[in-house]
Amino acid sequence: MSHSVTLYTAEACSWCASVKEYLQAREIDFEEIDVSADPTLAEEMVQKTGQMGVPVLDIDGNMVIGFNKSEIDQLLDLV
């Protein structure tokens, strides 16, 4: 099953790099949005989640705050 995955990141975020590596290792396609480069996209993330920190994932419309492996795996049918 194909999933729609958007990953909100920031350039200097080590957790963001870990999430990217995790998704890539599982061959999950995702769109990366660097919120540190675009304030408009950062505001979009805050409006969706109420969170200002990254990483944030949008998996098929379900928001995951931080690098929560169990929640990511469940939403991507990896369990």
N, C-alpha and C. Protein backbone atom coordinates (compact mmCIF):
# COMPACT_ATOMS: atom_id res chain seq x y z
N MET A 1 0.84 -1.18 0.00
CA MET A 1 0.00 0.00 0.00
C MET A 1 0.88 1.24 0.00
N SER A 2 0.53 2.20 -0.83
CA SER A 2 1.28 3.44 -0.91
C SER A 2 0.73 4.45 0.09
N HIS A 3 1.64 5.14 0.74
CA HIS A 3 1.25 6.13 1.75
C HIS A 3 1.73 7.50 1.32
N SER A 4 0.99 8.52 1.73
CA SER A 4 1.40 9.90 1.54
C SER A 4 2.14 10.34 2.80
N VAL A 5 3.43 10.64 2.65
CA VAL A 5 4.25 11.00 3.81
C VAL A 5 4.94 12.33 3.55
N THR A 6 4.71 13.27 4.45
CA THR A 6 5.41 14.55 4.43
C THR A 6 6.19 14.67 5.73
N LEU A 7 7.46 15.03 5.62
CA LEU A 7 8.33 15.17 6.78
C LEU A 7 8.75 16.62 6.90
N TYR A 8 8.33 17.26 7.98
CA TYR A 8 8.75 18.63 8.27
C TYR A 8 10.05 18.56 9.06
N THR A 9 11.08 19.24 8.56
CA THR A 9 12.41 19.17 9.15
C THR A 9 13.00 20.56 9.31
N ALA A 10 14.18 20.59 9.90
CA ALA A 10 15.02 21.79 9.94
C ALA A 10 16.45 21.32 9.72
N GLU A 11 17.24 22.18 9.12
CA GLU A 11 18.59 21.81 8.70
C GLU A 11 19.46 21.26 9.83
N ALA A 12 19.44 21.87 10.98
CA ALA A 12 20.35 21.50 12.07
C ALA A 12 19.73 20.49 13.05
N CYS A 13 18.70 19.79 12.64
CA CYS A 13 17.96 18.89 13.53
C CYS A 13 18.47 17.45 13.40
N SER A 14 19.11 16.95 14.45
CA SER A 14 19.63 15.58 14.40
C SER A 14 18.51 14.54 14.39
N TRP A 15 17.40 14.81 15.09
CA TRP A 15 16.27 13.88 15.08
C TRP A 15 15.65 13.80 13.69
N CYS A 16 15.65 14.91 12.98
CA CYS A 16 15.13 14.93 11.60
C CYS A 16 15.97 14.01 10.71
N ALA A 17 17.28 14.10 10.87
CA ALA A 17 18.18 13.24 10.09
C ALA A 17 17.92 11.78 10.41
N SER A 18 17.66 11.48 11.68
CA SER A 18 17.37 10.09 12.08
C SER A 18 16.07 9.58 11.45
N VAL A 19 15.05 10.42 11.43
CA VAL A 19 13.78 10.02 10.82
C VAL A 19 13.97 9.78 9.32
N LYS A 20 14.70 10.66 8.66
CA LYS A 20 14.95 10.49 7.22
C LYS A 20 15.67 9.17 6.96
N GLU A 21 16.70 8.88 7.73
CA GLU A 21 17.43 7.62 7.58
C GLU A 21 16.51 6.42 7.81
N TYR A 22 15.66 6.52 8.81
CA TYR A 22 14.73 5.44 9.15
C TYR A 22 13.77 5.17 7.98
N LEU A 23 13.20 6.22 7.42
CA LEU A 23 12.26 6.07 6.30
C LEU A 23 12.98 5.54 5.06
N GLN A 24 14.16 6.08 4.77
CA GLN A 24 14.92 5.64 3.61
C GLN A 24 15.32 4.17 3.72
N ALA A 25 15.70 3.73 4.92
CA ALA A 25 16.09 2.33 5.12
C ALA A 25 14.92 1.38 4.89
N ARG A 26 13.70 1.88 5.06
CA ARG A 26 12.50 1.08 4.86
C ARG A 26 11.86 1.34 3.50
N GLU A 27 12.59 2.09 2.66
CA GLU A 27 12.17 2.41 1.29
C GLU A 27 10.80 3.08 1.24
N ILE A 28 10.59 4.02 2.18
CA ILE A 28 9.35 4.80 2.23
C ILE A 28 9.61 6.13 1.53
N ASP A 29 8.84 6.40 0.49
CA ASP A 29 8.95 7.69 -0.20
C ASP A 29 8.31 8.77 0.66
N PHE A 30 8.94 9.94 0.70
CA PHE A 30 8.39 11.05 1.48
C PHE A 30 8.80 12.36 0.86
N GLU A 31 7.99 13.37 1.13
CA GLU A 31 8.31 14.74 0.74
C GLU A 31 8.90 15.42 1.97
N GLU A 32 10.06 16.03 1.81
CA GLU A 32 10.68 16.74 2.92
C GLU A 32 10.44 18.24 2.77
N ILE A 33 10.00 18.86 3.85
CA ILE A 33 9.80 20.30 3.89
C ILE A 33 10.69 20.87 4.98
N ASP A 34 11.67 21.68 4.59
CA ASP A 34 12.59 22.31 5.54
C ASP A 34 11.95 23.61 6.03
N VAL A 35 11.36 23.56 7.21
CA VAL A 35 10.65 24.73 7.74
C VAL A 35 11.59 25.85 8.16
N SER A 36 12.88 25.52 8.33
CA SER A 36 13.83 26.58 8.67
C SER A 36 14.13 27.46 7.47
N ALA A 37 13.80 27.00 6.27
CA ALA A 37 14.08 27.75 5.05
C ALA A 37 12.87 28.56 4.57
N ASP A 38 11.69 28.28 5.12
CA ASP A 38 10.49 28.95 4.62
C ASP A 38 9.50 29.18 5.76
N PRO A 39 9.39 30.41 6.24
CA PRO A 39 8.49 30.72 7.36
C PRO A 39 7.02 30.39 7.06
N THR A 40 6.61 30.49 5.82
CA THR A 40 5.23 30.17 5.45
C THR A 40 4.94 28.70 5.70
N LEU A 41 5.89 27.84 5.33
CA LEU A 41 5.72 26.39 5.55
C LEU A 41 5.81 26.05 7.03
N ALA A 42 6.62 26.79 7.76
CA ALA A 42 6.70 26.59 9.21
C ALA A 42 5.36 26.91 9.85
N GLU A 43 4.73 27.98 9.41
CA GLU A 43 3.41 28.35 9.94
C GLU A 43 2.36 27.30 9.58
N GLU A 44 2.46 26.74 8.38
CA GLU A 44 1.55 25.67 7.97
C GLU A 44 1.66 24.48 8.93
N MET A 45 2.89 24.12 9.30
CA MET A 45 3.11 23.01 10.23
C MET A 45 2.51 23.33 11.60
N VAL A 46 2.72 24.55 12.08
CA VAL A 46 2.19 24.96 13.38
C VAL A 46 0.66 24.94 13.36
N GLN A 47 0.06 25.39 12.27
CA GLN A 47 -1.41 25.37 12.16
C GLN A 47 -1.95 23.95 12.20
N LYS A 48 -1.25 23.01 11.56
CA LYS A 48 -1.70 21.61 11.52
C LYS A 48 -1.53 20.91 12.87
N THR A 49 -0.49 21.27 13.61
CA THR A 49 -0.12 20.48 14.78
C THR A 49 -0.13 21.22 16.10
N GLY A 50 -0.01 22.55 16.05
CA GLY A 50 0.16 23.30 17.28
C GLY A 50 1.58 23.20 17.82
N GLN A 51 2.47 22.56 17.07
CA GLN A 51 3.86 22.35 17.49
C GLN A 51 4.80 23.24 16.69
N MET A 52 5.84 23.72 17.36
CA MET A 52 6.84 24.52 16.67
C MET A 52 8.12 23.73 16.45
N GLY A 53 8.24 22.58 17.11
CA GLY A 53 9.46 21.77 16.98
C GLY A 53 9.35 20.74 15.88
N VAL A 54 10.48 20.30 15.41
CA VAL A 54 10.56 19.26 14.39
C VAL A 54 11.37 18.09 14.95
N PRO A 55 11.26 16.92 14.40
CA PRO A 55 10.52 16.55 13.20
C PRO A 55 9.02 16.36 13.47
N VAL A 56 8.26 16.60 12.40
CA VAL A 56 6.83 16.31 12.39
C VAL A 56 6.56 15.56 11.10
N LEU A 57 5.82 14.47 11.21
CA LEU A 57 5.43 13.71 10.02
C LEU A 57 3.93 13.81 9.82
N ASP A 58 3.54 13.92 8.57
CA ASP A 58 2.14 13.83 8.17
C ASP A 58 2.04 12.55 7.34
N ILE A 59 1.45 11.52 7.94
CA ILE A 59 1.31 10.23 7.26
C ILE A 59 -0.17 10.02 6.98
N ASP A 60 -0.53 10.17 5.72
CA ASP A 60 -1.93 10.00 5.31
C ASP A 60 -2.88 10.87 6.14
N GLY A 61 -2.43 12.07 6.49
CA GLY A 61 -3.27 12.99 7.26
C GLY A 61 -3.17 12.82 8.76
N ASN A 62 -2.41 11.84 9.22
CA ASN A 62 -2.18 11.63 10.66
C ASN A 62 -0.86 12.27 11.04
N MET A 63 -0.90 13.15 12.03
CA MET A 63 0.30 13.87 12.43
C MET A 63 1.06 13.11 13.52
N VAL A 64 2.37 12.96 13.32
CA VAL A 64 3.25 12.32 14.29
C VAL A 64 4.27 13.36 14.72
N ILE A 65 4.30 13.64 16.01
CA ILE A 65 5.22 14.63 16.55
C ILE A 65 6.46 13.90 17.05
N GLY A 66 7.63 14.29 16.54
CA GLY A 66 8.88 13.67 16.96
C GLY A 66 9.12 12.34 16.26
N PHE A 67 10.19 11.68 16.66
CA PHE A 67 10.59 10.40 16.07
C PHE A 67 10.00 9.28 16.91
N ASN A 68 8.72 9.00 16.67
CA ASN A 68 7.98 7.98 17.41
C ASN A 68 7.90 6.74 16.52
N LYS A 69 8.90 5.85 16.64
CA LYS A 69 8.99 4.68 15.75
C LYS A 69 7.74 3.82 15.76
N SER A 70 7.19 3.56 16.92
CA SER A 70 6.03 2.66 16.99
C SER A 70 4.83 3.26 16.26
N GLU A 71 4.61 4.55 16.43
CA GLU A 71 3.49 5.21 15.75
C GLU A 71 3.73 5.28 14.24
N ILE A 72 4.96 5.58 13.85
CA ILE A 72 5.31 5.62 12.42
C ILE A 72 5.10 4.25 11.79
N ASP A 73 5.62 3.21 12.44
CA ASP A 73 5.47 1.84 11.93
C ASP A 73 4.00 1.45 11.79
N GLN A 74 3.20 1.79 12.77
CA GLN A 74 1.78 1.45 12.73
C GLN A 74 1.10 2.15 11.56
N LEU A 75 1.33 3.44 11.40
CA LEU A 75 0.68 4.20 10.34
C LEU A 75 1.15 3.79 8.95
N LEU A 76 2.37 3.26 8.86
CA LEU A 76 2.92 2.83 7.56
C LEU A 76 2.74 1.33 7.34
N ASP A 77 2.00 0.67 8.23
CA ASP A 77 1.76 -0.78 8.11
C ASP A 77 3.05 -1.58 8.11
N LEU A 78 4.03 -1.17 8.93
CA LEU A 78 5.31 -1.86 9.02
C LEU A 78 5.36 -2.85 10.17
N VAL A 79 4.29 -2.97 10.94
CA VAL A 79 4.26 -3.89 12.09
C VAL A 79 3.49 -5.15 11.75
